[in-house]
Amino acid sequence: MPRPIRLAPISVTLLLAGAGAGALVYGALAWIGFPASTGKATISEALEIVKIALAVIAGVGGVIALVVAYRSQRV
């Protein structure tokens, strides 16, 4: 009899990925000094960081999709 697939580890992974991506965006924006009244960072730099963070999120989502597909094929 096949074992049921547990969804708890996947949801925990998704939660941790979201928290990590948020921390990445916050840390990167704070590092370049955005938002600050000194004008260190430009809007284009902030948008570049957001694009990179979204790419990281998409990569983590792709890995999760691959894990789910692998587990469903294994069952």
C-alpha atoms as a PDB file:
ATOM      1  CA  MET A   1       0.000   0.000   0.000  1.00  0.00           C
ATOM      2  CA  PRO A   2       1.521   3.370  -0.984  1.00  0.00           C
ATOM      3  CA  ARG A   3       2.304   5.837   1.743  1.00  0.00           C
ATOM      4  CA  PRO A   4       0.372   9.101   1.642  1.00  0.00           C
ATOM      5  CA  ILE A   5       2.311  12.212   0.746  1.00  0.00           C
ATOM      6  CA  ARG A   6       2.657  14.572   3.682  1.00  0.00           C
ATOM      7  CA  LEU A   7       2.030  18.190   2.812  1.00  0.00           C
ATOM      8  CA  ALA A   8       3.338  19.711   6.032  1.00  0.00           C
ATOM      9  CA  PRO A   9       7.017  19.800   4.963  1.00  0.00           C
ATOM     10  CA  ILE A  10       6.091  21.455   1.657  1.00  0.00           C
ATOM     11  CA  SER A  11       4.030  24.142   3.364  1.00  0.00           C
ATOM     12  CA  VAL A  12       6.798  24.770   5.881  1.00  0.00           C
ATOM     13  CA  THR A  13       9.292  25.066   3.039  1.00  0.00           C
ATOM     14  CA  LEU A  14       7.026  27.514   1.237  1.00  0.00           C
ATOM     15  CA  LEU A  15       6.624  29.598   4.388  1.00  0.00           C
ATOM     16  CA  LEU A  16      10.371  29.669   4.976  1.00  0.00           C
ATOM     17  CA  ALA A  17      11.018  30.600   1.338  1.00  0.00           C
ATOM     18  CA  GLY A  18       8.601  33.502   1.572  1.00  0.00           C
ATOM     19  CA  ALA A  19      10.156  34.712   4.812  1.00  0.00           C
ATOM     20  CA  GLY A  20      13.634  34.367   3.327  1.00  0.00           C
ATOM     21  CA  ALA A  21      12.667  36.301   0.217  1.00  0.00           C
ATOM     22  CA  GLY A  22      11.129  39.045   2.320  1.00  0.00           C
ATOM     23  CA  ALA A  23      14.249  39.235   4.447  1.00  0.00           C
ATOM     24  CA  LEU A  24      16.355  39.337   1.278  1.00  0.00           C
ATOM     25  CA  VAL A  25      14.391  42.271  -0.128  1.00  0.00           C
ATOM     26  CA  TYR A  26      14.385  44.133   3.184  1.00  0.00           C
ATOM     27  CA  GLY A  27      18.092  43.569   3.743  1.00  0.00           C
ATOM     28  CA  ALA A  28      19.057  44.569   0.222  1.00  0.00           C
ATOM     29  CA  LEU A  29      16.921  47.717   0.320  1.00  0.00           C
ATOM     30  CA  ALA A  30      18.305  48.662   3.735  1.00  0.00           C
ATOM     31  CA  TRP A  31      21.848  48.037   2.489  1.00  0.00           C
ATOM     32  CA  ILE A  32      21.494  50.522  -0.371  1.00  0.00           C
ATOM     33  CA  GLY A  33      19.755  53.002   1.911  1.00  0.00           C
ATOM     34  CA  PHE A  34      16.219  52.883   0.552  1.00  0.00           C
ATOM     35  CA  PRO A  35      13.937  54.469   1.689  1.00  0.00           C
ATOM     36  CA  ALA A  36      16.024  57.212   3.176  1.00  0.00           C
ATOM     37  CA  SER A  37      15.890  60.948   3.075  1.00  0.00           C
ATOM     38  CA  THR A  38      19.555  61.163   2.087  1.00  0.00           C
ATOM     39  CA  GLY A  39      18.818  60.012  -1.447  1.00  0.00           C
ATOM     40  CA  LYS A  40      21.503  57.293  -1.574  1.00  0.00           C
ATOM     41  CA  ALA A  41      19.481  54.930  -3.710  1.00  0.00           C
ATOM     42  CA  THR A  42      17.493  55.544  -6.822  1.00  0.00           C
ATOM     43  CA  ILE A  43      14.193  54.009  -7.756  1.00  0.00           C
ATOM     44  CA  SER A  44      15.851  51.978 -10.515  1.00  0.00           C
ATOM     45  CA  GLU A  45      18.207  50.358  -7.990  1.00  0.00           C
ATOM     46  CA  ALA A  46      15.277  49.471  -5.757  1.00  0.00           C
ATOM     47  CA  LEU A  47      13.406  47.969  -8.703  1.00  0.00           C
ATOM     48  CA  GLU A  48      16.457  45.902  -9.637  1.00  0.00           C
ATOM     49  CA  ILE A  49      16.534  44.446  -6.140  1.00  0.00           C
ATOM     50  CA  VAL A  50      12.828  43.644  -6.302  1.00  0.00           C
ATOM     51  CA  LYS A  51      13.369  41.907  -9.657  1.00  0.00           C
ATOM     52  CA  ILE A  52      16.165  39.799  -8.206  1.00  0.00           C
ATOM     53  CA  ALA A  53      14.047  38.875  -5.183  1.00  0.00           C
ATOM     54  CA  LEU A  54      11.159  37.842  -7.432  1.00  0.00           C
ATOM     55  CA  ALA A  55      13.532  35.698  -9.479  1.00  0.00           C
ATOM     56  CA  VAL A  56      14.690  33.979  -6.284  1.00  0.00           C
ATOM     57  CA  ILE A  57      11.074  33.373  -5.288  1.00  0.00           C
ATOM     58  CA  ALA A  58      10.336  31.907  -8.724  1.00  0.00           C
ATOM     59  CA  GLY A  59      13.356  29.616  -8.426  1.00  0.00           C
ATOM     60  CA  VAL A  60      12.234  28.354  -5.031  1.00  0.00           C
ATOM     61  CA  GLY A  61       8.739  27.800  -6.418  1.00  0.00           C
ATOM     62  CA  GLY A  62      10.208  25.814  -9.294  1.00  0.00           C
ATOM     63  CA  VAL A  63      12.170  23.617  -6.917  1.00  0.00           C
ATOM     64  CA  ILE A  64       9.043  22.993  -4.855  1.00  0.00           C
ATOM     65  CA  ALA A  65       7.125  22.083  -8.019  1.00  0.00           C
ATOM     66  CA  LEU A  66       9.870  19.633  -8.992  1.00  0.00           C
ATOM     67  CA  VAL A  67       9.795  18.032  -5.545  1.00  0.00           C
ATOM     68  CA  VAL A  68       6.017  17.640  -5.687  1.00  0.00           C
ATOM     69  CA  ALA A  69       6.213  16.124  -9.175  1.00  0.00           C
ATOM     70  CA  TYR A  70       8.967  13.738  -8.108  1.00  0.00           C
ATOM     71  CA  ARG A  71       7.031  12.638  -5.063  1.00  0.00           C
ATOM     72  CA  SER A  72       3.837  12.086  -7.040  1.00  0.00           C
ATOM     73  CA  GLN A  73       5.709  10.021  -9.648  1.00  0.00           C
ATOM     74  CA  ARG A  74       7.343   7.978  -6.929  1.00  0.00           C
ATOM     75  CA  VAL A  75       3.953   7.086  -5.448  1.00  0.00           C
END
